[in-house]
């Protein structure tokens, strides 16, 4: 065994270390190959479970959100069917709802960071891991520690704690502390660091283009401190870092310098293991992403990911095919027996560090049904309320509009913009309802227009075409006379496989009331619930608010602040003006600069002050 399982972060005692050795030595080659796969399946049928845990003997399984009782039931079936206890993972990035759909939605990391209070990072980890553990999850694919340095990046934004490496570290340290308290292994991701390229690793190998010195001062500093703090696993992205790769290995070829981290021996073995001293488990990001698939055939990429330093493979196109690729890789020498043994050792060591063998013997790998009482508790809800109250950020205020007052400006033209245009959107209806409860008279725009533009040009009548023609030919005075104020609410959530996250205007020949042509005519209030950078597309807004999270408690906080019942206290964790002077005109003092930890913020053991 070349892996020291008695050293951090596993820190196994002699009995645990002996279990790792005996279990590994008793495995056949085929069983070792099974251990390095973390799968995700859409069914938990007896046949699927038997094949994956009995025939292939996979090492881990990732859950997508479903009702907590169902997660727990399926976790129990999986653990009962597996000879070696399983790592059961979930994306616990913003609360227990990452595993249990009825769990607590605490806040997106951007909202957590906007509180500028490390305690909020601890609470994020506490809620996420406590509720995850209650349903049988023992491995969190969180916290996200990407340093968000490019507002054009389509995947980080509110999934990041922001652009200040120190703030990112402090928030993540709180999460790590809470995860240890709850017996869940945290995973820091996405090494070597997303948030720099404007492209998405789901669609190609994205590139962290920072210089070596800048990388060490940002992502490198974050990973060094969190590894020193005992992070148990690291997720490696399909992200290249050529400058650091060349620093670690000055002889590296240009092609190898641009390999994704998941396939780079220089970045995983040379940088993460040797330079940063990480001894824990390394898991790839999803190997279904183009970033993993584009550089070589899959039959080579899978065994080479392990040979070059990763310990587990996340997701499969076809598990039987992928399993065969790795097995063939061992037999042909593409993956050495020694490196496979090291990977399996770390997989087993993480299980031992989580005391899974002892829990298996005691029949407690998955808690009883009574543990579901800790999912979605009133206490967790109150923490979410407090986080929302402190997070919502007033980015821009040109005065004389806030607080909103129906006695002053009663008639509101409301446009709710989401990822996909739909009429009757529940989110849009909720915003309209909230405004009406405050005493406003609200006209909600119907954004989905089912018509052929040729019909308009040819004058073919239909109710929709007639409405469109009336809208685009109406006079300015006719529109302005009907409203006292306009409001745009942007709920464009981050989604994978997107090339850009910008405001998606539904224009009609460059006309229509979807675009804010009316900003020079009446007050325009803009609220963004899912991306902190939309001011770039609406610099004409008179009031702009970042909420970071679109859950109910955050919307409650937004309306309390818009109506003047509560002060705005959130501080932007990254630059909401995107470096543009026109966006920053007439900004409030609270939006200037980046969030730093609040003076006097409560300190916790393991959370550096």
Foldseek 3Di string as FASTA:
>chain_A
DPFDLCDFPLVDDPVLLVVLVVVLVPDDPQLLLQAQAAAEDPDLDPVVLCCSQPVRNHAHYEAAEEALVVLLVSLLVNQVNHPAGHQYEFALAQFLCRHYVLFDRQFALQLLLLLLFLVSLLLSLQRNLLSCQQSQHAEYADDELAQADAQLAQFPFSNHNYNDQLSSLLSRLSNCVNSVVSLHQYEYDAPPHPNQFSFFQLAAAAENADAPVVSCVHSVVSLLLVLVLGRAEYEYELYAYLNVLCVQPVPDDPLQNSGGCLQHLSCAVRPVCPVSPRSHAYEYDACNGCSQPVPDHLLLSLLSSQQSHHQHYYYDPDVVVNSVSNSVCPVVVSHDPVSSSSSSSNSSSSCVSSVVVVCSVVVVSHPDPVSNCSGHDPVSVVSSLVSLLSRKAWWFALDPCPLPDCVQWAEEEEEEAEQDQDPPDPLQVVVVVVSVVRPHHYDYDRQDQPDDLVCLVVVPDDVSSVVVVCFQPPDPVVVLVRGAEYEYEYEYARDHPDSGDEGDFDARVNGGDSDPPCLVPHAYAYEYAHGLAHLCVVLSHNIYMYSNHDDDSNVVSVNCPSNPVGDHNTERQYQNQSPDPSSNPRTDPRHPDHRHNDPPRDDDVSSDD
